[in-house]
Protein backbone atom coordinates (compact mmCIF):
# COMPACT_ATOMS: atom_id res chain seq x y z
CA MET A 1 -10.20 23.91 -8.88
CA THR A 2 -6.89 23.76 -6.62
CA THR A 3 -7.26 25.13 -3.00
CA TYR A 4 -4.04 26.91 -1.98
CA ILE A 5 -3.21 27.33 1.85
CA SER A 6 -0.37 30.29 2.54
CA GLY A 7 3.17 29.44 4.17
CA LYS A 8 1.78 31.63 7.06
CA ASP A 9 -1.53 29.72 7.72
CA LEU A 10 0.48 26.28 6.97
CA LEU A 11 3.26 27.31 10.05
CA GLU A 12 0.20 28.14 12.18
CA LEU A 13 -1.52 24.79 11.93
CA VAL A 14 1.86 22.63 12.17
CA SER A 15 2.83 24.64 15.27
CA ASP A 16 -0.60 23.83 16.95
CA ARG A 17 0.00 20.24 16.12
CA ALA A 18 -3.58 20.27 14.29
CA PRO A 19 -5.07 17.01 15.16
CA ALA A 20 -6.68 16.24 11.56
CA VAL A 21 -3.75 17.68 8.91
CA ALA A 22 -1.27 15.75 7.22
CA VAL A 23 1.33 17.76 5.41
CA LEU A 24 3.00 15.75 2.54
CA ASP A 25 5.38 15.82 0.26
CA VAL A 26 4.95 14.49 -2.93
CA ARG A 27 8.56 14.89 -4.97
CA THR A 28 11.00 12.51 -5.39
CA PRO A 29 13.01 11.18 -2.21
CA LEU A 30 16.02 12.84 -3.86
CA GLU A 31 14.28 16.38 -4.60
CA ARG A 32 13.25 15.65 -0.57
CA SER A 33 16.67 15.61 0.82
CA LYS A 34 17.72 18.61 -0.60
CA GLY A 35 15.04 20.50 1.44
CA HIS A 36 11.92 19.88 3.24
CA ILE A 37 9.19 20.69 6.05
CA ALA A 38 10.51 18.29 9.12
CA VAL A 39 6.62 17.50 10.04
CA SER A 40 5.89 16.52 6.66
CA ALA A 41 5.49 12.89 5.55
CA SER A 42 7.19 11.43 2.24
CA LEU A 43 4.41 10.31 -0.28
CA PRO A 44 6.28 10.53 -3.58
CA PHE A 45 3.47 11.06 -6.67
CA HIS A 46 4.72 7.89 -8.13
CA GLU A 47 3.43 5.72 -5.15
CA ILE A 48 0.29 8.10 -4.04
CA GLU A 49 -2.34 5.05 -4.78
CA GLN A 50 -0.22 2.37 -3.23
CA ARG A 51 0.48 3.76 -0.15
CA ILE A 52 -2.18 6.73 0.40
CA VAL A 53 -4.74 4.77 2.31
CA ASP A 54 -2.33 3.53 5.03
CA LEU A 55 -0.75 7.01 5.01
CA VAL A 56 -4.20 8.64 5.64
CA PRO A 57 -6.86 6.58 6.40
CA GLY A 58 -9.53 8.89 6.59
CA THR A 59 -10.52 10.85 3.79
CA ALA A 60 -11.98 13.27 5.43
CA THR A 61 -8.53 14.93 6.61
CA THR A 62 -7.27 17.86 5.77
CA VAL A 63 -4.07 17.49 3.39
CA VAL A 64 -1.57 19.31 2.53
CA LEU A 65 0.83 19.62 -0.18
CA ALA A 66 3.88 21.19 0.28
CA GLY A 67 6.59 20.62 -1.90
CA GLU A 68 6.88 21.99 -5.95
CA PRO A 69 3.91 23.50 -7.24
CA ASP A 70 4.05 21.75 -10.71
CA THR A 71 3.94 18.62 -8.73
CA ASP A 72 1.36 19.22 -5.96
CA GLY A 73 -0.98 20.37 -8.42
CA PRO A 74 -1.52 16.95 -10.17
CA ALA A 75 -1.41 15.19 -6.73
CA ALA A 76 -3.87 17.35 -5.55
CA ASP A 77 -6.08 16.62 -8.41
CA LEU A 78 -5.63 12.63 -7.84
CA LEU A 79 -6.05 12.92 -4.16
CA GLU A 80 -9.53 14.57 -5.02
CA SER A 81 -10.33 11.90 -7.33
CA LEU A 82 -9.43 9.30 -4.75
CA GLY A 83 -12.25 10.87 -2.58
CA TYR A 84 -10.12 13.36 -0.29
CA SER A 85 -12.68 15.93 0.58
CA ASP A 86 -10.07 18.60 1.82
CA VAL A 87 -7.02 18.81 -0.23
CA ARG A 88 -4.61 22.15 -0.02
CA VAL A 89 -1.51 23.07 -2.10
CA LEU A 90 1.39 25.60 -0.35
CA GLU A 91 1.05 28.82 -2.41
CA ASP A 92 4.82 29.44 -3.61
CA GLY A 93 5.74 25.90 -2.48
CA LEU A 94 8.66 25.71 -0.46
CA THR A 95 9.39 29.75 -1.18
CA GLY A 96 5.98 30.39 0.61
CA TRP A 97 6.91 27.95 3.33
CA THR A 98 10.43 30.17 3.85
CA ASN A 99 9.12 33.24 3.59
CA ALA A 100 6.77 33.08 6.21
CA GLY A 101 9.39 31.88 8.75
CA GLY A 102 9.41 28.41 8.27
CA ARG A 103 12.43 26.35 8.32
CA LEU A 104 13.95 23.81 5.92
CA TYR A 105 16.01 20.70 6.10
CA THR A 106 18.09 18.69 3.94
CA GLY A 107 18.64 15.11 4.19
CA THR A 108 16.34 12.23 5.14
CA ASN A 109 14.35 11.12 8.57
CA VAL A 110 15.84 14.24 10.32
CA ARG A 111 13.66 14.15 13.02
CA SER A 112 14.22 10.57 13.64
CA LYS A 113 18.07 11.31 13.31
CA THR A 114 18.22 13.97 15.30
CA LEU A 115 16.46 12.02 18.10
CA GLY A 116 19.57 9.95 17.94
CA GLU A 117 21.81 12.51 18.59
CA TRP A 118 19.40 14.31 21.38
CA ILE A 119 19.39 10.76 22.94
CA GLU A 120 23.32 10.15 22.93
CA HIS A 121 23.40 13.73 24.27
CA GLU A 122 20.82 13.19 26.89
CA PHE A 123 21.91 9.83 27.95
CA SER A 124 25.51 10.16 27.65
CA THR A 125 24.94 6.47 25.68
CA PRO A 126 28.72 5.41 25.96
CA THR A 127 29.91 4.86 22.48
CA VAL A 128 33.75 3.36 21.36
CA ASP A 129 35.90 3.16 18.52
CA SER A 130 36.60 0.40 15.91
CA THR A 131 40.33 0.68 16.72
CA THR A 132 39.34 -0.28 20.85
CA VAL A 133 36.49 -2.68 19.70
CA GLN A 134 39.25 -4.54 17.75
CA GLY A 135 41.91 -3.99 20.77
CA TRP A 136 39.62 -5.84 22.93
CA ILE A 137 39.18 -8.91 20.64
CA GLU A 138 42.59 -9.31 20.45
CA GLN A 139 43.47 -9.48 24.06
CA GLY A 140 40.73 -11.90 24.41
CA ASP A 141 38.14 -9.94 26.06
CA ASP A 142 34.27 -11.18 25.93
CA VAL A 143 33.21 -9.15 23.15
CA VAL A 144 29.66 -8.83 21.42
CA ILE A 145 28.69 -7.33 18.75
CA LEU A 146 25.22 -6.67 17.44
CA ASP A 147 23.96 -5.56 14.41
CA SER A 148 21.14 -2.99 14.85
CA ARG A 149 20.00 -2.79 11.56
CA PRO A 150 17.33 -4.89 9.45
CA THR A 151 18.52 -8.54 8.05
CA THR A 152 18.43 -7.42 4.55
CA GLU A 153 20.88 -4.59 5.72
CA TYR A 154 23.24 -7.22 7.65
CA LEU A 155 23.28 -9.37 4.83
CA HIS A 156 24.60 -6.84 2.29
CA HIS A 157 27.50 -6.39 4.50
CA HIS A 158 28.21 -6.72 8.45
CA ILE A 159 31.13 -6.68 10.92
CA PRO A 160 33.16 -10.38 10.89
CA GLY A 161 31.37 -12.27 14.07
CA GLY A 162 28.52 -9.71 14.56
CA TYR A 163 25.23 -10.96 15.27
CA ASP A 164 21.86 -10.27 12.78
CA THR A 165 19.29 -9.07 15.89
CA GLY A 166 16.81 -8.66 12.94
CA GLY A 167 16.40 -4.66 14.07
CA GLY A 168 17.07 -2.33 16.39
CA ALA A 169 13.72 -3.23 18.85
CA GLU A 170 14.61 -7.13 18.87
CA ILE A 171 18.02 -6.12 20.81
CA ALA A 172 16.77 -5.80 23.89
CA TYR A 173 14.30 -9.16 23.28
CA ARG A 174 17.26 -11.54 21.73
CA ALA A 175 19.95 -10.34 23.52
CA GLY A 176 20.35 -12.36 26.17
CA SER A 177 20.95 -15.84 23.79
CA VAL A 178 24.44 -14.21 23.30
CA VAL A 179 24.92 -12.30 26.43
CA LYS A 180 25.19 -14.90 29.01
CA SER A 181 27.62 -13.18 31.59
CA PRO A 182 27.44 -9.37 32.63
CA ASP A 183 31.28 -9.43 32.25
CA THR A 184 30.46 -9.42 28.41
CA LYS A 185 30.95 -6.11 26.72
CA VAL A 186 28.09 -5.53 24.07
CA VAL A 187 28.63 -2.98 21.11
CA ILE A 188 25.52 -1.94 19.11
CA ASN A 189 26.81 -0.79 15.44
CA CYS A 190 24.84 -0.04 12.81
CA ALA A 191 25.33 1.86 9.16
CA GLY A 192 25.73 5.38 10.44
CA ARG A 193 24.77 6.55 13.97
CA THR A 194 21.25 6.69 14.68
CA ARG A 195 20.36 2.89 14.90
CA GLY A 196 23.54 1.87 16.97
CA ILE A 197 22.92 4.81 19.51
CA VAL A 198 19.45 3.99 19.62
CA GLY A 199 19.98 0.34 20.22
CA ALA A 200 22.54 0.62 22.88
CA GLN A 201 20.43 3.24 24.81
CA SER A 202 17.58 0.56 24.87
CA LEU A 203 19.24 -2.06 25.81
CA ILE A 204 20.99 -0.03 28.41
CA ASN A 205 17.25 0.91 29.78
CA THR A 206 16.38 -2.55 30.47
CA GLY A 207 18.74 -2.43 33.37
CA ILE A 208 21.49 -4.78 31.93
CA ALA A 209 24.20 -5.18 34.26
CA ASN A 210 26.49 -5.22 31.16
CA GLN A 211 28.25 -2.75 29.60
CA VAL A 212 26.68 -1.60 26.33
CA PHE A 213 28.27 0.82 23.65
CA SER A 214 27.29 2.22 20.43
CA LEU A 215 30.18 1.78 17.90
CA TYR A 216 31.07 5.45 16.84
CA ASN A 217 29.88 5.69 13.09
CA GLY A 218 29.25 2.30 12.57
CA THR A 219 30.34 -0.03 9.71
CA PRO A 220 31.76 2.87 7.72
CA ALA A 221 34.18 3.67 10.01
CA TRP A 222 35.19 0.18 10.90
CA GLU A 223 35.88 0.10 6.84
CA GLN A 224 37.56 2.96 6.70
CA SER A 225 39.98 2.19 9.63
CA GLY A 226 41.20 -0.35 7.36
CA ARG A 227 38.86 -3.32 8.62
CA SER A 228 37.28 -6.35 6.77
CA LEU A 229 33.62 -6.21 6.44
CA ALA A 230 31.59 -9.60 5.50
CA PHE A 231 29.07 -10.47 3.45
CA GLY A 232 25.87 -12.56 3.56
CA ASP A 233 24.87 -14.76 6.32
CA GLU A 234 26.77 -15.37 9.48
CA GLN A 235 24.93 -15.50 12.73
CA ALA A 236 21.26 -14.89 13.41
CA LEU A 237 19.90 -14.45 17.57
CA PRO A 238 17.22 -16.60 18.03
CA ALA A 239 13.83 -15.59 19.74
CA PRO A 240 13.79 -16.56 23.42
CA GLN A 241 11.40 -19.03 24.17
CA ASP A 242 10.36 -17.19 27.29
CA VAL A 243 11.18 -13.63 28.67
CA SER A 244 12.91 -13.27 32.20
CA ASP A 245 10.99 -11.07 35.03
CA GLU A 246 13.39 -8.57 35.18
CA LEU A 247 12.23 -7.92 31.03
CA ALA A 248 8.78 -8.03 31.85
CA ALA A 249 8.98 -5.77 34.70
CA TRP A 250 10.55 -3.43 32.30
CA VAL A 251 8.11 -3.56 30.02
CA ARG A 252 5.44 -2.73 32.38
CA ALA A 253 7.53 0.30 33.97
CA THR A 254 7.92 1.67 30.28
CA PHE A 255 4.59 1.32 29.29
CA ASP A 256 3.31 2.87 32.56
CA LYS A 257 5.99 6.08 31.92
CA ALA A 258 4.60 6.32 28.01
CA GLY A 259 1.09 6.09 29.54
CA VAL A 260 0.17 3.20 27.12
CA GLN A 261 -2.61 1.43 26.92
CA VAL A 262 -3.19 -2.59 26.43
CA LEU A 263 -5.78 -3.08 23.95
CA SER A 264 -7.90 -6.13 23.18
CA PRO A 265 -8.74 -6.71 19.54
CA ASP A 266 -12.30 -5.78 19.64
CA ALA A 267 -10.74 -2.41 21.43
CA VAL A 268 -8.63 -1.83 18.34
CA GLN A 269 -11.74 -2.45 16.47
CA GLU A 270 -13.68 0.64 18.23
CA ARG A 271 -11.05 3.07 17.67
CA LEU A 272 -10.62 2.00 13.89
CA ALA A 273 -14.57 2.36 13.64
CA ASP A 274 -14.35 5.60 14.94
CA ALA A 275 -14.01 8.14 11.77
CA SER A 276 -13.25 11.45 13.64
CA THR A 277 -10.02 10.12 14.60
CA THR A 278 -6.80 8.51 12.30
CA THR A 279 -6.03 5.02 13.95
CA TYR A 280 -2.41 3.51 12.60
CA VAL A 281 -1.76 -0.43 13.25
CA PHE A 282 1.85 -1.04 12.93
CA ASP A 283 3.15 -4.50 13.43
CA VAL A 284 6.81 -4.20 15.27
CA ARG A 285 7.40 -7.72 14.85
CA THR A 286 9.83 -9.39 12.06
CA PRO A 287 8.74 -9.25 8.83
CA ALA A 288 9.14 -13.20 8.39
CA GLU A 289 6.33 -13.21 11.68
CA PHE A 290 4.21 -10.77 9.68
CA ALA A 291 3.99 -13.00 6.62
CA ALA A 292 3.74 -16.21 8.59
CA GLY A 293 0.50 -14.56 10.24
CA HIS A 294 -1.03 -10.69 10.63
CA PHE A 295 -4.25 -8.64 11.47
CA GLU A 296 -5.58 -7.97 7.77
CA VAL A 297 -5.68 -3.84 8.82
CA SER A 298 -2.09 -3.71 10.07
CA VAL A 299 1.17 -2.63 8.15
CA SER A 300 4.62 -4.18 8.88
CA ALA A 301 6.76 -1.93 10.20
CA PRO A 302 9.11 -3.22 12.94
CA GLY A 303 9.80 -1.04 15.55
CA GLY A 304 13.59 0.28 14.81
CA GLN A 305 12.74 1.14 11.40
CA LEU A 306 9.34 2.61 12.76
CA VAL A 307 11.31 4.86 15.06
CA GLN A 308 14.06 5.40 12.39
CA GLN A 309 11.51 6.37 9.68
CA VAL A 310 8.73 8.31 11.18
CA ASP A 311 7.77 10.08 8.28
CA ASN A 312 7.13 7.47 6.34
CA HIS A 313 4.67 5.70 8.27
CA ILE A 314 3.04 8.79 10.27
CA ALA A 315 1.04 11.55 8.44
CA VAL A 316 -1.34 12.79 10.84
CA PRO A 317 -0.32 14.59 14.18
CA ASN A 318 -2.28 13.36 17.69
CA ALA A 319 -3.35 10.06 15.77
CA HIS A 320 -3.82 7.14 17.82
CA VAL A 321 -1.11 4.57 16.98
CA VAL A 322 -1.82 0.87 18.13
CA LEU A 323 1.47 -1.40 17.93
CA VAL A 324 1.14 -5.23 17.32
CA ASP A 325 3.46 -7.76 18.59
CA ASP A 326 3.39 -10.75 20.46
CA GLN A 327 2.14 -11.67 24.44
CA ASP A 328 5.25 -10.47 26.11
CA PHE A 329 5.30 -6.68 24.20
CA VAL A 330 9.17 -6.50 24.74
CA ARG A 331 9.54 -5.22 21.09
CA ALA A 332 6.64 -2.95 21.33
CA ALA A 333 8.11 -1.61 24.88
CA SER A 334 11.57 -0.93 22.76
CA THR A 335 9.74 1.51 20.32
CA VAL A 336 7.27 3.60 22.39
CA GLN A 337 10.21 4.35 24.73
CA TRP A 338 11.58 6.43 21.76
CA LEU A 339 8.64 6.70 19.57
CA ARG A 340 6.65 9.21 22.52
CA TYR A 341 9.32 11.55 21.87
CA LEU A 342 8.30 12.13 18.19
CA HIS A 343 4.55 11.61 17.98
CA THR A 344 2.30 13.25 20.24
CA GLY A 345 -0.47 11.33 20.06
CA PRO A 346 -1.69 8.42 22.39
CA LEU A 347 0.48 4.97 22.15
CA SER A 348 -1.41 1.56 22.55
CA VAL A 349 -0.25 -2.31 22.18
CA VAL A 350 -2.25 -5.28 21.09
CA ALA A 351 -1.28 -8.69 21.09
CA TYR A 352 -1.50 -10.72 17.60
CA THR A 353 -3.52 -13.87 18.02
CA GLU A 354 -4.05 -15.94 15.14
CA ASP A 355 -8.08 -16.07 15.88
CA ALA A 356 -8.42 -12.39 16.33
CA VAL A 357 -9.59 -10.17 12.99
CA LEU A 358 -9.29 -6.69 12.86
CA ASP A 359 -11.19 -5.25 9.93
CA HIS A 360 -10.47 -1.40 8.63
CA PRO A 361 -13.58 0.41 7.50
CA ARG A 362 -11.62 2.56 5.41
CA ARG A 363 -11.84 1.41 1.72
CA ALA A 364 -8.75 -0.49 -0.38
CA LEU A 365 -8.29 1.39 -3.76
CA PRO A 366 -10.01 -0.97 -6.28
CA LEU A 367 -7.86 -2.00 -9.17
CA PRO A 368 -8.19 0.06 -12.38
CA ASP A 369 -9.65 -1.63 -15.29
CA ALA A 370 -6.75 -2.76 -17.47
CA GLN A 371 -5.28 -4.81 -20.31
CA HIS A 372 -3.16 -7.44 -19.02
CA VAL A 373 -0.42 -9.84 -21.12
CA ASP A 374 0.28 -13.07 -19.44
CA ARG A 375 4.41 -14.47 -19.70
CA SER A 376 4.07 -16.61 -22.52
CA GLU A 377 2.12 -13.79 -24.61
CA LEU A 378 5.26 -11.36 -23.91
CA GLU A 379 7.36 -14.27 -25.06
CA GLN A 380 5.84 -14.64 -28.21
CA TRP A 381 5.76 -10.80 -28.93
CA ARG A 382 9.67 -11.37 -28.80
CA THR A 383 9.61 -14.14 -30.78
CA ASP A 384 7.10 -12.44 -33.67
CA GLY A 385 8.65 -9.26 -33.67
CA THR A 386 5.80 -7.12 -32.16
CA ASP A 387 6.84 -3.53 -31.09
CA HIS A 388 7.16 -3.44 -27.36
CA LEU A 389 8.96 -2.01 -24.58
CA VAL A 390 8.91 -3.44 -21.04
CA VAL A 391 8.99 -0.81 -18.09
CA ASP A 392 9.31 -1.51 -14.71
CA LEU A 393 7.75 0.38 -12.10
CA ARG A 394 9.51 -0.73 -9.00
CA PRO A 395 12.12 1.19 -6.94
CA SER A 396 14.97 1.37 -8.40
CA ALA A 397 16.89 -1.23 -6.24
CA ASP A 398 14.71 -3.97 -6.64
CA TYR A 399 15.26 -3.28 -10.53
CA ALA A 400 19.19 -3.73 -9.98
CA ALA A 401 18.92 -6.77 -7.98
CA GLY A 402 17.15 -8.38 -11.08
CA HIS A 403 15.02 -7.33 -14.17
CA ILE A 404 13.45 -8.40 -17.34
CA PRO A 405 16.15 -8.23 -20.08
CA GLY A 406 16.00 -5.04 -22.15
CA SER A 407 13.61 -3.37 -19.65
CA VAL A 408 13.80 0.15 -18.81
CA HIS A 409 13.26 1.41 -15.28
CA ALA A 410 11.35 4.68 -14.87
CA ARG A 411 8.86 6.56 -12.52
CA ARG A 412 5.19 7.43 -13.29
CA GLU A 413 6.24 10.71 -14.25
CA GLN A 414 8.20 9.91 -17.05
CA LEU A 415 6.00 7.59 -18.66
CA THR A 416 4.60 10.12 -21.03
CA GLN A 417 7.72 10.99 -22.60
CA ILE A 418 8.96 7.57 -22.95
CA ALA A 419 5.13 6.79 -25.05
CA GLU A 420 6.24 9.73 -26.84
CA LYS A 421 9.97 8.58 -28.01
CA ALA A 422 8.47 4.95 -28.78
CA PRO A 423 5.03 6.34 -30.30
CA ASP A 424 4.54 2.77 -32.14
CA ALA A 425 5.32 0.55 -29.33
CA THR A 426 3.07 -1.02 -26.67
CA LEU A 427 4.39 -0.32 -23.39
CA VAL A 428 4.47 -3.27 -21.37
CA LEU A 429 4.19 -1.95 -16.90
CA VAL A 430 5.88 -4.11 -14.46
CA GLY A 431 5.29 -3.83 -10.76
CA ASN A 432 4.76 -6.42 -7.67
CA ASP A 433 3.32 -7.24 -4.48
CA ARG A 434 3.65 -3.56 -3.48
CA TYR A 435 3.08 -1.63 -6.60
CA SER A 436 0.16 -2.24 -9.02
CA PRO A 437 0.68 -0.77 -12.46
CA GLU A 438 -3.13 -0.76 -13.07
CA HIS A 439 -3.34 2.61 -11.22
CA VAL A 440 -1.17 4.57 -13.72
CA VAL A 441 -1.94 3.06 -17.35
CA SER A 442 -4.86 5.91 -17.59
CA GLU A 443 -2.44 8.41 -17.55
CA VAL A 444 -0.40 7.29 -20.49
CA PRO A 445 -0.99 8.72 -24.20
CA ALA A 446 -0.18 5.32 -25.93
CA SER A 447 -1.10 1.49 -25.97
CA VAL A 448 -0.32 0.07 -22.32
CA VAL A 449 -0.62 -3.38 -20.63
CA VAL A 450 -0.01 -4.67 -17.53
CA LEU A 451 2.60 -7.80 -17.19
CA ALA A 452 0.23 -10.30 -15.01
CA GLY A 453 1.54 -11.73 -11.92
CA GLY A 454 4.03 -8.68 -11.86
CA ILE A 455 8.05 -9.26 -11.85
CA ASP A 456 7.26 -13.14 -10.54
CA ALA A 457 5.97 -13.65 -13.64
CA ALA A 458 8.95 -13.19 -15.70
CA GLU A 459 10.92 -16.09 -16.47
CA THR A 460 14.40 -15.00 -16.48
CA LEU A 461 15.66 -11.85 -14.69
CA THR A 462 19.25 -10.28 -15.10
CA THR A 463 21.28 -7.65 -13.49
CA ASP A 464 23.15 -7.02 -16.45
CA ASP A 465 22.71 -3.88 -18.72
CA PRO A 466 20.27 -2.03 -16.86
CA HIS A 467 18.47 1.01 -18.31
CA TYR A 468 16.87 4.17 -16.75
CA ALA A 469 14.48 6.51 -17.98
CA GLY A 470 16.04 9.34 -15.99
CA GLU A 471 18.30 10.17 -12.84
CA ILE A 472 17.37 7.50 -10.29
CA ALA A 473 15.23 9.55 -7.79
CA ASP A 474 14.26 6.97 -5.14
CA ARG A 475 17.62 6.36 -3.66
CA THR A 476 19.50 8.83 -1.51
CA GLY A 477 21.99 6.50 0.64
CA PRO A 478 25.55 5.74 -0.08
CA PRO A 479 27.01 4.54 -3.35
CA PRO A 480 28.61 0.98 -3.90
CA PHE A 481 31.68 0.50 -1.87
CA GLY A 482 34.71 2.72 -2.93
CA PRO A 483 36.30 5.97 -2.93
CA GLU A 484 32.65 7.67 -3.22
CA ARG A 485 31.61 6.13 -0.66
CA ASP A 486 33.81 7.49 1.51
CA ARG A 487 33.26 10.82 0.54
CA TRP A 488 29.80 10.56 0.82
CA TYR A 489 29.91 9.29 4.55
CA ALA A 490 31.93 11.89 5.43
CA GLU A 491 29.60 14.49 4.56
CA TYR A 492 26.67 12.30 5.87
CA PHE A 493 28.28 12.12 9.16
CA GLU A 494 29.19 16.05 9.20
CA TRP A 495 25.55 17.11 8.73
CA GLU A 496 24.40 14.26 11.18
CA LEU A 497 27.04 15.57 13.54
CA ALA A 498 25.32 18.99 13.34
CA LEU A 499 21.69 18.28 13.71
CA LEU A 500 21.30 19.02 17.13
CA GLU A 501 22.68 22.81 16.51
CA THR A 502 20.60 23.02 12.82
CA THR A 503 17.38 22.25 14.76
CA SER A 504 17.86 24.59 18.02
CA GLY A 505 14.50 26.17 19.03
CA ASP A 506 12.40 24.39 16.62
CA PRO A 507 9.74 23.06 18.69
CA HIS A 508 9.52 19.88 16.36
CA PHE A 509 12.86 18.94 17.87
CA ALA A 510 11.80 19.61 21.50
CA PHE A 511 11.71 16.09 22.09
CA ALA A 512 11.22 16.41 26.14
CA GLU A 513 8.42 18.43 25.63
CA ILE A 514 6.68 16.55 22.85
CA ALA A 515 6.78 13.21 25.17
CA SER A 516 5.57 15.40 28.17
């Protein structure tokens, strides 16, 4: 039977920052962007089994589902079936929350993006517009442009001549390879505002002698000013061979200010074994470094993105957060200096070493039994006319980048309707290394199989003729280049520039108080 919590009681819980309460929003990212509770974590119903163990490791943690009752009810049943013992549904959904005096916020990653605006206001982070930067370049000034976004975004588009840093927390770590003179002007850009501001202030905080600026409104403003963008690989900054004494001293000072402990792997293991608290272990190194070797228990969360998307990673207030980095801890320091304004729990760091092992007592969700079909069998079905429909459950962006010809993209909540429209067809569910379709097979009233090996098993992929079972609900960012993109960014910047005023008076945006 569903257990409910009133809006009033939930408001009191989050106001007290109860240490063992995770507020989850299981609606789609698109629905969430239209209004949500600021301190809720995003866990779409489609992804519950894929991410719940990372987001809420302890099954005794109180979980409150705060979105729409029609979705929250089934999600509560699912979580209870997975072993979570205290799951509650917000009575009357978000209406119950607002009736109790709670605020709702539109957009995505609202606390993180408001922090960016607060940083610019609080620290007077210098900013510069595209026309000025172009003027510096044309008159021969020594200018270095550093892109604070992850490499994937840089490859999609970037400012010509700009360097791929790998992400915001990498800037202080790697900038020395191209900033050789104190007279060099350093410009930090992103695809909007937050990561440019945070990246610029992060570099300034290290004590660098250079003039450092965030590029006002990032690559959209650069493009809208009539300047061209570049696409694909151009210039990636290498990791340093060693870290300067000055940067090492800044790391120590940053840790002291944030109360950060440097832990051994054994000490982290002790915290993981303590069932009375939640401990998150985030690897803030680059995805490539993570892929080359990492603690099994850790989640890849490059530092800049962890700060930018804290509500996608941390659901339990006051949890112990442990950041994994190399021995120099520059990227961990770049992360904690801002994470401390968003998270009230203790922050620690641990150095990754190949010979150390970190295991988590939490259980990994076992894969339910499911019938599988391999690539050759699927090809045979196509040849002999066996009635089947390939359904791709990966993120829509991955589907658009390459999918099995004739397949349809869907979310789990659309599978029943798909099955009803094709009652004689066998549904072939496709996932990848981050999405296991086996978890949703039992809820589909049809003949269902899973493609063994996921999308990697497909021999041929195409970007042509995509089919979607419904509205694309997992993307909230800008549309492709063109007039619609310009209009989207105009509205986005209006929203972002108003965040300090919009959130005024809300204690969850009282960043200085949180950090103290």
